[in-house]
Amino acid sequence: MDLLSTLSATLSSDFAARSAAETALRAADAAPGFALALLTLAREPSAPPGTRQSAAVLLKGLVIRRWDEDDYERFVGPVVRKKKG
């Protein structure tokens, strides 16, 4: 499922679809490029307005969690991956 469909599913009245989409977004949160994908979608004029707004809200939350070092209780540092070999 792509990001646009996943965000659209979070707005669904169907609990199962909404729950699955929210789980997928939580899993994608740590993926490289996720913030950029949210930013791109939030700025995409052809995307549905509710989906654009959802992308913007998720991006805001991600920025607060990842870059607000002064709030140590909520701050989640970057994921550092070791190179294999």
Protein backbone atom coordinates (compact mmCIF):
# COMPACT_ATOMS: atom_id res chain seq x y z
CA MET A 1 0.00 0.00 0.00
CA ASP A 2 1.45 3.40 -0.93
CA LEU A 3 1.55 6.40 1.38
CA LEU A 4 -1.38 8.18 -0.27
CA SER A 5 -3.66 5.14 0.10
CA THR A 6 -2.49 4.55 3.66
CA LEU A 7 -3.21 8.12 4.69
CA SER A 8 -6.59 7.96 2.95
CA ALA A 9 -7.39 4.76 4.86
CA THR A 10 -6.71 6.54 8.18
CA LEU A 11 -9.69 8.75 7.37
CA SER A 12 -11.98 5.77 6.74
CA SER A 13 -15.05 5.12 8.86
CA ASP A 14 -14.19 1.39 8.74
CA PHE A 15 -12.38 0.61 12.00
CA ALA A 16 -10.38 -2.31 10.58
CA ALA A 17 -9.12 -0.30 7.60
CA ARG A 18 -8.27 2.69 9.79
CA SER A 19 -6.48 0.55 12.37
CA ALA A 20 -4.43 -1.28 9.73
CA ALA A 21 -3.43 2.03 8.13
CA GLU A 22 -2.38 3.51 11.48
CA THR A 23 -0.27 0.41 12.19
CA ALA A 24 1.38 0.70 8.76
CA LEU A 25 2.19 4.37 9.38
CA ARG A 26 3.76 3.60 12.77
CA ALA A 27 5.93 0.96 11.10
CA ALA A 28 6.91 3.35 8.29
CA ASP A 29 7.81 6.12 10.74
CA ALA A 30 11.41 4.88 11.11
CA ALA A 31 11.97 4.25 7.40
CA PRO A 32 14.55 6.43 5.67
CA GLY A 33 12.85 9.10 3.60
CA PHE A 34 9.51 8.91 5.44
CA ALA A 35 9.64 12.58 6.48
CA LEU A 36 10.45 13.63 2.92
CA ALA A 37 7.58 11.52 1.57
CA LEU A 38 5.18 13.18 4.03
CA LEU A 39 6.44 16.63 3.07
CA THR A 40 6.07 15.86 -0.62
CA LEU A 41 2.53 14.58 -0.15
CA ALA A 42 1.54 17.51 2.10
CA ARG A 43 2.62 19.90 -0.68
CA GLU A 44 1.05 17.94 -3.56
CA PRO A 45 -1.79 20.08 -4.96
CA SER A 46 -3.50 17.13 -6.67
CA ALA A 47 -3.76 15.10 -3.44
CA PRO A 48 -7.11 15.12 -1.61
CA PRO A 49 -7.19 17.92 1.01
CA GLY A 50 -7.84 15.57 3.96
CA THR A 51 -4.90 13.42 2.94
CA ARG A 52 -2.66 16.45 2.56
CA GLN A 53 -3.67 17.64 6.01
CA SER A 54 -3.01 14.18 7.51
CA ALA A 55 0.46 14.17 5.94
CA ALA A 56 1.19 17.61 7.39
CA VAL A 57 0.01 16.60 10.87
CA LEU A 58 2.10 13.41 10.80
CA LEU A 59 5.13 15.36 9.60
CA LYS A 60 4.70 17.88 12.42
CA GLY A 61 4.58 15.06 14.98
CA LEU A 62 7.61 13.39 13.46
CA VAL A 63 9.60 16.64 13.57
CA ILE A 64 8.66 17.23 17.20
CA ARG A 65 9.65 13.68 18.18
CA ARG A 66 12.87 13.61 16.17
CA TRP A 67 14.28 17.11 16.56
CA ASP A 68 13.05 18.59 19.84
CA GLU A 69 16.08 17.72 21.97
CA ASP A 70 14.96 20.03 24.77
CA ASP A 71 11.97 17.80 25.54
CA TYR A 72 13.85 14.72 26.71
CA GLU A 73 10.74 12.84 27.76
CA ARG A 74 9.36 12.68 24.20
CA PHE A 75 12.56 12.96 22.12
CA VAL A 76 13.41 9.94 19.99
CA GLY A 77 16.91 10.19 18.59
CA PRO A 78 17.83 9.19 15.06
CA VAL A 79 18.30 5.55 14.21
CA VAL A 80 21.96 4.82 13.56
CA ARG A 81 22.60 1.73 11.52
CA LYS A 82 25.96 0.01 11.51
CA LYS A 83 27.48 -0.88 8.19
CA LYS A 84 27.79 -4.57 7.51
CA GLY A 85 31.23 -5.95 6.92
